[in-house]
């Protein structure tokens, strides 16, 4: 639901309005965890940590567009296009 997606940023995004730092992402996973599901806690942190490593920008933020790309499936397509344009600039 788009409202819940926007609420993640309004609740956990303190540094920037439409971006999350690693600390804010960690707090988001802490706030959304299910009690007594230790395996789920670990996998949730690994999953969002991997997304952060792959999709963070040069300033160390995970943008709203990158997180939306995780949910709609366009993240890796957008990252491939971004990397291709960087490669073409270097040539």
PDB file of N, CA and C in Angstrom:
ATOM      1  N   UNK A   1       0.835  -1.173   0.000  1.00  0.00           N
ATOM      2  CA  UNK A   1       0.000   0.000   0.000  1.00  0.00           C
ATOM      3  C   UNK A   1       0.884   1.243   0.000  1.00  0.00           C
ATOM      4  N   UNK A   2       0.644   2.193  -0.866  1.00  0.00           N
ATOM      5  CA  UNK A   2       1.503   3.374  -0.961  1.00  0.00           C
ATOM      6  C   UNK A   2       1.566   4.200   0.328  1.00  0.00           C
ATOM      7  N   UNK A   3       0.503   4.226   1.083  1.00  0.00           N
ATOM      8  CA  UNK A   3       0.494   5.004   2.324  1.00  0.00           C
ATOM      9  C   UNK A   3       1.477   4.416   3.327  1.00  0.00           C
ATOM     10  N   UNK A   4       1.495   3.088   3.439  1.00  0.00           N
ATOM     11  CA  UNK A   4       2.424   2.443   4.359  1.00  0.00           C
ATOM     12  C   UNK A   4       3.867   2.646   3.922  1.00  0.00           C
ATOM     13  N   UNK A   5       4.103   2.648   2.619  1.00  0.00           N
ATOM     14  CA  UNK A   5       5.444   2.892   2.105  1.00  0.00           C
ATOM     15  C   UNK A   5       5.902   4.297   2.473  1.00  0.00           C
ATOM     16  N   UNK A   6       5.043   5.277   2.320  1.00  0.00           N
ATOM     17  CA  UNK A   6       5.380   6.655   2.687  1.00  0.00           C
ATOM     18  C   UNK A   6       5.566   6.789   4.190  1.00  0.00           C
ATOM     19  N   UNK A   7       4.799   6.036   4.962  1.00  0.00           N
ATOM     20  CA  UNK A   7       4.921   6.097   6.421  1.00  0.00           C
ATOM     21  C   UNK A   7       6.274   5.589   6.909  1.00  0.00           C
ATOM     22  N   UNK A   8       6.896   4.661   6.175  1.00  0.00           N
ATOM     23  CA  UNK A   8       8.233   4.183   6.556  1.00  0.00           C
ATOM     24  C   UNK A   8       9.213   5.350   6.577  1.00  0.00           C
ATOM     25  N   UNK A   9       9.123   6.216   5.589  1.00  0.00           N
ATOM     26  CA  UNK A   9      10.051   7.333   5.510  1.00  0.00           C
ATOM     27  C   UNK A   9       9.715   8.427   6.504  1.00  0.00           C
ATOM     28  N   UNK A  10       8.450   8.658   6.743  1.00  0.00           N
ATOM     29  CA  UNK A  10       8.097   9.687   7.715  1.00  0.00           C
ATOM     30  C   UNK A  10       8.419   9.231   9.131  1.00  0.00           C
ATOM     31  N   UNK A  11       8.330   7.934   9.393  1.00  0.00           N
ATOM     32  CA  UNK A  11       8.597   7.416  10.735  1.00  0.00           C
ATOM     33  C   UNK A  11      10.090   7.222  11.002  1.00  0.00           C
ATOM     34  N   UNK A  12      10.825   6.682  10.030  1.00  0.00           N
ATOM     35  CA  UNK A  12      12.220   6.311  10.268  1.00  0.00           C
ATOM     36  C   UNK A  12      13.236   7.224   9.599  1.00  0.00           C
ATOM     37  N   UNK A  13      12.836   8.016   8.640  1.00  0.00           N
ATOM     38  CA  UNK A  13      13.766   8.882   7.939  1.00  0.00           C
ATOM     39  C   UNK A  13      13.955  10.210   8.653  1.00  0.00           C
ATOM     40  N   UNK A  14      14.968  10.315   9.469  1.00  0.00           N
ATOM     41  CA  UNK A  14      15.208  11.548  10.210  1.00  0.00           C
ATOM     42  C   UNK A  14      16.235  12.445   9.556  1.00  0.00           C
ATOM     43  N   UNK A  15      17.176  11.874   8.826  1.00  0.00           N
ATOM     44  CA  UNK A  15      18.249  12.647   8.218  1.00  0.00           C
ATOM     45  C   UNK A  15      17.784  13.369   6.964  1.00  0.00           C
ATOM     46  N   UNK A  16      17.128  12.658   6.079  1.00  0.00           N
ATOM     47  CA  UNK A  16      16.618  13.226   4.832  1.00  0.00           C
ATOM     48  C   UNK A  16      15.171  12.766   4.666  1.00  0.00           C
ATOM     49  N   UNK A  17      14.397  13.555   3.948  1.00  0.00           N
ATOM     50  CA  UNK A  17      12.970  13.274   3.830  1.00  0.00           C
ATOM     51  C   UNK A  17      12.678  12.029   2.999  1.00  0.00           C
ATOM     52  N   UNK A  18      13.432  11.804   1.942  1.00  0.00           N
ATOM     53  CA  UNK A  18      13.140  10.689   1.048  1.00  0.00           C
ATOM     54  C   UNK A  18      14.297   9.696   0.929  1.00  0.00           C
ATOM     55  N   UNK A  19      15.134   9.636   1.967  1.00  0.00           N
ATOM     56  CA  UNK A  19      16.277   8.720   1.982  1.00  0.00           C
ATOM     57  C   UNK A  19      16.455   8.170   3.384  1.00  0.00           C
ATOM     58  N   UNK A  20      17.099   7.001   3.473  1.00  0.00           N
ATOM     59  CA  UNK A  20      17.394   6.389   4.766  1.00  0.00           C
ATOM     60  C   UNK A  20      18.889   6.093   4.876  1.00  0.00           C
ATOM     61  N   UNK A  21      19.443   6.337   6.051  1.00  0.00           N
ATOM     62  CA  UNK A  21      20.820   5.936   6.331  1.00  0.00           C
ATOM     63  C   UNK A  21      20.811   4.475   6.793  1.00  0.00           C
ATOM     64  N   UNK A  22      21.994   3.906   6.967  1.00  0.00           N
ATOM     65  CA  UNK A  22      22.075   2.532   7.455  1.00  0.00           C
ATOM     66  C   UNK A  22      21.477   2.421   8.852  1.00  0.00           C
ATOM     67  N   UNK A  23      21.726   3.380   9.701  1.00  0.00           N
ATOM     68  CA  UNK A  23      21.165   3.374  11.065  1.00  0.00           C
ATOM     69  C   UNK A  23      19.640   3.439  11.029  1.00  0.00           C
ATOM     70  N   UNK A  24      19.094   4.290  10.165  1.00  0.00           N
ATOM     71  CA  UNK A  24      17.642   4.408  10.056  1.00  0.00           C
ATOM     72  C   UNK A  24      17.032   3.137   9.478  1.00  0.00           C
ATOM     73  N   UNK A  25      17.729   2.510   8.550  1.00  0.00           N
ATOM     74  CA  UNK A  25      17.270   1.238   7.990  1.00  0.00           C
ATOM     75  C   UNK A  25      17.278   0.157   9.063  1.00  0.00           C
ATOM     76  N   UNK A  26      18.303   0.157   9.899  1.00  0.00           N
ATOM     77  CA  UNK A  26      18.389  -0.793  11.012  1.00  0.00           C
ATOM     78  C   UNK A  26      17.217  -0.576  11.971  1.00  0.00           C
ATOM     79  N   UNK A  27      16.923   0.695  12.293  1.00  0.00           N
ATOM     80  CA  UNK A  27      15.804   0.994  13.182  1.00  0.00           C
ATOM     81  C   UNK A  27      14.471   0.574  12.559  1.00  0.00           C
ATOM     82  N   UNK A  28      14.350   0.682  11.238  1.00  0.00           N
ATOM     83  CA  UNK A  28      13.133   0.250  10.559  1.00  0.00           C
ATOM     84  C   UNK A  28      12.937  -1.254  10.715  1.00  0.00           C
ATOM     85  N   UNK A  29      14.011  -2.024  10.564  1.00  0.00           N
ATOM     86  CA  UNK A  29      13.886  -3.469  10.719  1.00  0.00           C
ATOM     87  C   UNK A  29      13.595  -3.841  12.168  1.00  0.00           C
ATOM     88  N   UNK A  30      14.118  -3.075  13.100  1.00  0.00           N
ATOM     89  CA  UNK A  30      13.810  -3.312  14.511  1.00  0.00           C
ATOM     90  C   UNK A  30      12.345  -3.021  14.809  1.00  0.00           C
ATOM     91  N   UNK A  31      11.807  -1.968  14.218  1.00  0.00           N
ATOM     92  CA  UNK A  31      10.427  -1.575  14.486  1.00  0.00           C
ATOM     93  C   UNK A  31       9.402  -2.465  13.823  1.00  0.00           C
ATOM     94  N   UNK A  32       9.782  -3.164  12.784  1.00  0.00           N
ATOM     95  CA  UNK A  32       8.828  -3.994  12.045  1.00  0.00           C
ATOM     96  C   UNK A  32       8.994  -5.484  12.286  1.00  0.00           C
ATOM     97  N   UNK A  33       9.777  -5.867  13.279  1.00  0.00           N
ATOM     98  CA  UNK A  33      10.013  -7.294  13.484  1.00  0.00           C
ATOM     99  C   UNK A  33       8.863  -7.944  14.255  1.00  0.00           C
ATOM    100  N   UNK A  34       8.757  -9.246  14.081  1.00  0.00           N
ATOM    101  CA  UNK A  34       7.723 -10.043  14.733  1.00  0.00           C
ATOM    102  C   UNK A  34       8.346 -10.705  15.961  1.00  0.00           C
ATOM    103  N   UNK A  35       7.642 -10.622  17.077  1.00  0.00           N
ATOM    104  CA  UNK A  35       8.152 -11.200  18.315  1.00  0.00           C
ATOM    105  C   UNK A  35       8.345 -12.702  18.181  1.00  0.00           C
ATOM    106  N   UNK A  36       9.398 -13.213  18.783  1.00  0.00           N
ATOM    107  CA  UNK A  36       9.735 -14.635  18.844  1.00  0.00           C
ATOM    108  C   UNK A  36      10.057 -15.251  17.480  1.00  0.00           C
ATOM    109  N   UNK A  37      10.399 -14.436  16.501  1.00  0.00           N
ATOM    110  CA  UNK A  37      10.795 -14.948  15.183  1.00  0.00           C
ATOM    111  C   UNK A  37      12.259 -14.565  14.940  1.00  0.00           C
ATOM    112  N   UNK A  38      13.149 -15.193  15.663  1.00  0.00           N
ATOM    113  CA  UNK A  38      14.565 -14.843  15.610  1.00  0.00           C
ATOM    114  C   UNK A  38      15.134 -15.089  14.217  1.00  0.00           C
ATOM    115  N   UNK A  39      14.748 -16.156  13.572  1.00  0.00           N
ATOM    116  CA  UNK A  39      15.204 -16.443  12.216  1.00  0.00           C
ATOM    117  C   UNK A  39      14.755 -15.331  11.264  1.00  0.00           C
ATOM    118  N   UNK A  40      13.535 -14.867  11.420  1.00  0.00           N
ATOM    119  CA  UNK A  40      13.017 -13.764  10.611  1.00  0.00           C
ATOM    120  C   UNK A  40      13.757 -12.473  10.865  1.00  0.00           C
ATOM    121  N   UNK A  41      14.137 -12.199  12.109  1.00  0.00           N
ATOM    122  CA  UNK A  41      14.908 -10.988  12.436  1.00  0.00           C
ATOM    123  C   UNK A  41      16.213 -10.989  11.672  1.00  0.00           C
ATOM    124  N   UNK A  42      16.899 -12.114  11.719  1.00  0.00           N
ATOM    125  CA  UNK A  42      18.219 -12.214  11.080  1.00  0.00           C
ATOM    126  C   UNK A  42      18.098 -12.058   9.567  1.00  0.00           C
ATOM    127  N   UNK A  43      17.159 -12.783   8.964  1.00  0.00           N
ATOM    128  CA  UNK A  43      16.997 -12.700   7.513  1.00  0.00           C
ATOM    129  C   UNK A  43      16.551 -11.311   7.062  1.00  0.00           C
ATOM    130  N   UNK A  44      15.718 -10.665   7.847  1.00  0.00           N
ATOM    131  CA  UNK A  44      15.267  -9.316   7.512  1.00  0.00           C
ATOM    132  C   UNK A  44      16.441  -8.337   7.494  1.00  0.00           C
ATOM    133  N   UNK A  45      17.303  -8.434   8.467  1.00  0.00           N
ATOM    134  CA  UNK A  45      18.468  -7.551   8.521  1.00  0.00           C
ATOM    135  C   UNK A  45      19.457  -7.855   7.391  1.00  0.00           C
ATOM    136  N   UNK A  46      19.637  -9.127   7.076  1.00  0.00           N
ATOM    137  CA  UNK A  46      20.524  -9.501   5.973  1.00  0.00           C
ATOM    138  C   UNK A  46      19.959  -8.998   4.646  1.00  0.00           C
ATOM    139  N   UNK A  47      18.664  -9.177   4.457  1.00  0.00           N
ATOM    140  CA  UNK A  47      18.034  -8.747   3.211  1.00  0.00           C
ATOM    141  C   UNK A  47      18.148  -7.237   3.011  1.00  0.00           C
ATOM    142  N   UNK A  48      17.758  -6.457   4.009  1.00  0.00           N
ATOM    143  CA  UNK A  48      17.826  -5.002   3.867  1.00  0.00           C
ATOM    144  C   UNK A  48      19.270  -4.506   3.861  1.00  0.00           C
ATOM    145  N   UNK A  49      20.168  -5.201   4.550  1.00  0.00           N
ATOM    146  CA  UNK A  49      21.582  -4.845   4.493  1.00  0.00           C
ATOM    147  C   UNK A  49      22.147  -5.040   3.101  1.00  0.00           C
ATOM    148  N   UNK A  50      21.757  -6.131   2.442  1.00  0.00           N
ATOM    149  CA  UNK A  50      22.208  -6.368   1.073  1.00  0.00           C
ATOM    150  C   UNK A  50      21.648  -5.330   0.113  1.00  0.00           C
ATOM    151  N   UNK A  51      20.393  -4.965   0.301  1.00  0.00           N
ATOM    152  CA  UNK A  51      19.796  -3.920  -0.542  1.00  0.00           C
ATOM    153  C   UNK A  51      20.535  -2.606  -0.336  1.00  0.00           C
ATOM    154  N   UNK A  52      20.873  -2.295   0.907  1.00  0.00           N
ATOM    155  CA  UNK A  52      21.600  -1.064   1.199  1.00  0.00           C
ATOM    156  C   UNK A  52      22.963  -1.060   0.509  1.00  0.00           C
ATOM    157  N   UNK A  53      23.686  -2.166   0.591  1.00  0.00           N
ATOM    158  CA  UNK A  53      25.017  -2.245  -0.016  1.00  0.00           C
ATOM    159  C   UNK A  53      24.940  -2.086  -1.535  1.00  0.00           C
ATOM    160  N   UNK A  54      23.953  -2.706  -2.144  1.00  0.00           N
ATOM    161  CA  UNK A  54      23.829  -2.680  -3.597  1.00  0.00           C
ATOM    162  C   UNK A  54      23.296  -1.345  -4.110  1.00  0.00           C
ATOM    163  N   UNK A  55      22.331  -0.750  -3.391  1.00  0.00           N
ATOM    164  CA  UNK A  55      21.584   0.378  -3.953  1.00  0.00           C
ATOM    165  C   UNK A  55      21.872   1.730  -3.313  1.00  0.00           C
ATOM    166  N   UNK A  56      22.798   1.819  -2.370  1.00  0.00           N
ATOM    167  CA  UNK A  56      23.052   3.123  -1.747  1.00  0.00           C
ATOM    168  C   UNK A  56      23.683   4.078  -2.756  1.00  0.00           C
ATOM    169  N   UNK A  57      23.477   5.363  -2.519  1.00  0.00           N
ATOM    170  CA  UNK A  57      24.061   6.365  -3.409  1.00  0.00           C
ATOM    171  C   UNK A  57      25.455   6.760  -2.924  1.00  0.00           C
ATOM    172  N   UNK A  58      26.043   7.746  -3.575  1.00  0.00           N
ATOM    173  CA  UNK A  58      27.412   8.164  -3.242  1.00  0.00           C
ATOM    174  C   UNK A  58      27.528   8.759  -1.845  1.00  0.00           C
ATOM    175  N   UNK A  59      26.421   9.278  -1.327  1.00  0.00           N
ATOM    176  CA  UNK A  59      26.425   9.887   0.005  1.00  0.00           C
ATOM    177  C   UNK A  59      26.123   8.895   1.113  1.00  0.00           C
ATOM    178  N   UNK A  60      25.826   7.651   0.769  1.00  0.00           N
ATOM    179  CA  UNK A  60      25.546   6.624   1.759  1.00  0.00           C
ATOM    180  C   UNK A  60      24.084   6.522   2.150  1.00  0.00           C
ATOM    181  N   UNK A  61      23.186   7.016   1.320  1.00  0.00           N
ATOM    182  CA  UNK A  61      21.762   6.956   1.592  1.00  0.00           C
ATOM    183  C   UNK A  61      21.088   5.930   0.691  1.00  0.00           C
ATOM    184  N   UNK A  62      20.035   5.311   1.189  1.00  0.00           N
ATOM    185  CA  UNK A  62      19.181   4.448   0.386  1.00  0.00           C
ATOM    186  C   UNK A  62      17.947   5.265   0.028  1.00  0.00           C
ATOM    187  N   UNK A  63      17.768   5.531  -1.248  1.00  0.00           N
ATOM    188  CA  UNK A  63      16.696   6.436  -1.676  1.00  0.00           C
ATOM    189  C   UNK A  63      15.347   5.739  -1.706  1.00  0.00           C
ATOM    190  N   UNK A  64      14.315   6.559  -1.713  1.00  0.00           N
ATOM    191  CA  UNK A  64      12.952   6.060  -1.794  1.00  0.00           C
ATOM    192  C   UNK A  64      12.727   5.323  -3.112  1.00  0.00           C
ATOM    193  N   UNK A  65      13.319   5.829  -4.190  1.00  0.00           N
ATOM    194  CA  UNK A  65      13.162   5.179  -5.492  1.00  0.00           C
ATOM    195  C   UNK A  65      13.809   3.794  -5.500  1.00  0.00           C
ATOM    196  N   UNK A  66      14.959   3.658  -4.830  1.00  0.00           N
ATOM    197  CA  UNK A  66      15.617   2.349  -4.763  1.00  0.00           C
ATOM    198  C   UNK A  66      14.772   1.365  -3.962  1.00  0.00           C
ATOM    199  N   UNK A  67      14.201   1.821  -2.856  1.00  0.00           N
ATOM    200  CA  UNK A  67      13.353   0.935  -2.055  1.00  0.00           C
ATOM    201  C   UNK A  67      12.080   0.573  -2.811  1.00  0.00           C
ATOM    202  N   UNK A  68      11.527   1.517  -3.550  1.00  0.00           N
ATOM    203  CA  UNK A  68      10.342   1.214  -4.360  1.00  0.00           C
ATOM    204  C   UNK A  68      10.707   0.190  -5.435  1.00  0.00           C
ATOM    205  N   UNK A  69      11.923   0.280  -5.963  1.00  0.00           N
ATOM    206  CA  UNK A  69      12.384  -0.682  -6.952  1.00  0.00           C
ATOM    207  C   UNK A  69      12.488  -2.090  -6.406  1.00  0.00           C
ATOM    208  N   UNK A  70      12.756  -2.228  -5.117  1.00  0.00           N
ATOM    209  CA  UNK A  70      12.777  -3.552  -4.493  1.00  0.00           C
ATOM    210  C   UNK A  70      11.377  -4.162  -4.553  1.00  0.00           C
ATOM    211  N   UNK A  71      10.370  -3.358  -4.286  1.00  0.00           N
ATOM    212  CA  UNK A  71       9.001  -3.868  -4.239  1.00  0.00           C
ATOM    213  C   UNK A  71       8.395  -4.087  -5.616  1.00  0.00           C
ATOM    214  N   UNK A  72       8.723  -3.246  -6.585  1.00  0.00           N
ATOM    215  CA  UNK A  72       8.112  -3.413  -7.910  1.00  0.00           C
ATOM    216  C   UNK A  72       9.008  -4.163  -8.899  1.00  0.00           C
ATOM    217  N   UNK A  73      10.209  -4.534  -8.492  1.00  0.00           N
ATOM    218  CA  UNK A  73      11.076  -5.353  -9.330  1.00  0.00           C
ATOM    219  C   UNK A  73      11.960  -4.595 -10.301  1.00  0.00           C
ATOM    220  N   UNK A  74      12.021  -3.285 -10.199  1.00  0.00           N
ATOM    221  CA  UNK A  74      12.801  -2.499 -11.155  1.00  0.00           C
ATOM    222  C   UNK A  74      14.181  -2.097 -10.633  1.00  0.00           C
ATOM    223  N   UNK A  75      14.541  -2.482  -9.443  1.00  0.00           N
ATOM    224  CA  UNK A  75      15.807  -2.047  -8.841  1.00  0.00           C
ATOM    225  C   UNK A  75      17.007  -2.459  -9.686  1.00  0.00           C
ATOM    226  N   UNK A  76      17.105  -3.719 -10.057  1.00  0.00           N
ATOM    227  CA  UNK A  76      18.288  -4.191 -10.761  1.00  0.00           C
ATOM    228  C   UNK A  76      18.346  -3.677 -12.193  1.00  0.00           C
ATOM    229  N   UNK A  77      17.204  -3.474 -12.795  1.00  0.00           N
ATOM    230  CA  UNK A  77      17.177  -2.871 -14.130  1.00  0.00           C
ATOM    231  C   UNK A  77      17.703  -1.438 -14.063  1.00  0.00           C
ATOM    232  N   UNK A  78      17.263  -0.688 -13.067  1.00  0.00           N
ATOM    233  CA  UNK A  78      17.732   0.691 -12.903  1.00  0.00           C
ATOM    234  C   UNK A  78      19.218   0.748 -12.566  1.00  0.00           C
ATOM    235  N   UNK A  79      19.698  -0.175 -11.738  1.00  0.00           N
ATOM    236  CA  UNK A  79      21.124  -0.210 -11.406  1.00  0.00           C
ATOM    237  C   UNK A  79      21.968  -0.575 -12.623  1.00  0.00           C
ATOM    238  N   UNK A  80      21.466  -1.483 -13.463  1.00  0.00           N
ATOM    239  CA  UNK A  80      22.190  -1.852 -14.681  1.00  0.00           C
ATOM    240  C   UNK A  80      22.292  -0.658 -15.623  1.00  0.00           C
ATOM    241  N   UNK A  81      21.213   0.084 -15.772  1.00  0.00           N
ATOM    242  CA  UNK A  81      21.243   1.281 -16.624  1.00  0.00           C
ATOM    243  C   UNK A  81      22.208   2.327 -16.073  1.00  0.00           C
ATOM    244  N   UNK A  82      22.218   2.495 -14.769  1.00  0.00           N
ATOM    245  CA  UNK A  82      23.112   3.460 -14.128  1.00  0.00           C
ATOM    246  C   UNK A  82      24.576   3.064 -14.334  1.00  0.00           C
ATOM    247  N   UNK A  83      24.872   1.791 -14.144  1.00  0.00           N
ATOM    248  CA  UNK A  83      26.240   1.318 -14.326  1.00  0.00           C
ATOM    249  C   UNK A  83      26.671   1.376 -15.782  1.00  0.00           C
ATOM    250  N   UNK A  84      25.761   1.129 -16.701  1.00  0.00           N
ATOM    251  CA  UNK A  84      26.071   1.214 -18.128  1.00  0.00           C
ATOM    252  C   UNK A  84      26.404   2.649 -18.525  1.00  0.00           C
ATOM    253  N   UNK A  85      25.649   3.610 -17.974  1.00  0.00           N
ATOM    254  CA  UNK A  85      25.943   5.014 -18.300  1.00  0.00           C
ATOM    255  C   UNK A  85      27.285   5.451 -17.712  1.00  0.00           C
ATOM    256  N   UNK A  86      27.633   4.937 -16.530  1.00  0.00           N
ATOM    257  CA  UNK A  86      28.949   5.237 -15.965  1.00  0.00           C
ATOM    258  C   UNK A  86      30.061   4.648 -16.817  1.00  0.00           C
ATOM    259  N   UNK A  87      29.827   3.436 -17.310  1.00  0.00           N
ATOM    260  CA  UNK A  87      30.829   2.775 -18.142  1.00  0.00           C
ATOM    261  C   UNK A  87      31.039   3.550 -19.438  1.00  0.00           C
ATOM    262  N   UNK A  88      29.963   4.040 -20.034  1.00  0.00           N
ATOM    263  CA  UNK A  88      30.054   4.797 -21.286  1.00  0.00           C
ATOM    264  C   UNK A  88      30.759   6.143 -21.067  1.00  0.00           C
ATOM    265  N   UNK A  89      30.596   6.745 -19.902  1.00  0.00           N
ATOM    266  CA  UNK A  89      31.261   8.021 -19.610  1.00  0.00           C
ATOM    267  C   UNK A  89      32.773   7.834 -19.485  1.00  0.00           C
ATOM    268  N   UNK A  90      33.188   6.667 -19.003  1.00  0.00           N
ATOM    269  CA  UNK A  90      34.610   6.415 -18.814  1.00  0.00           C
ATOM    270  C   UNK A  90      35.318   6.158 -20.146  1.00  0.00           C
ATOM    271  N   UNK A  91      34.574   5.745 -21.163  1.00  0.00           N
ATOM    272  CA  UNK A  91      35.188   5.461 -22.463  1.00  0.00           C
ATOM    273  C   UNK A  91      35.317   6.695 -23.243  1.00  0.00           C
TER     274      UNK A  91
END
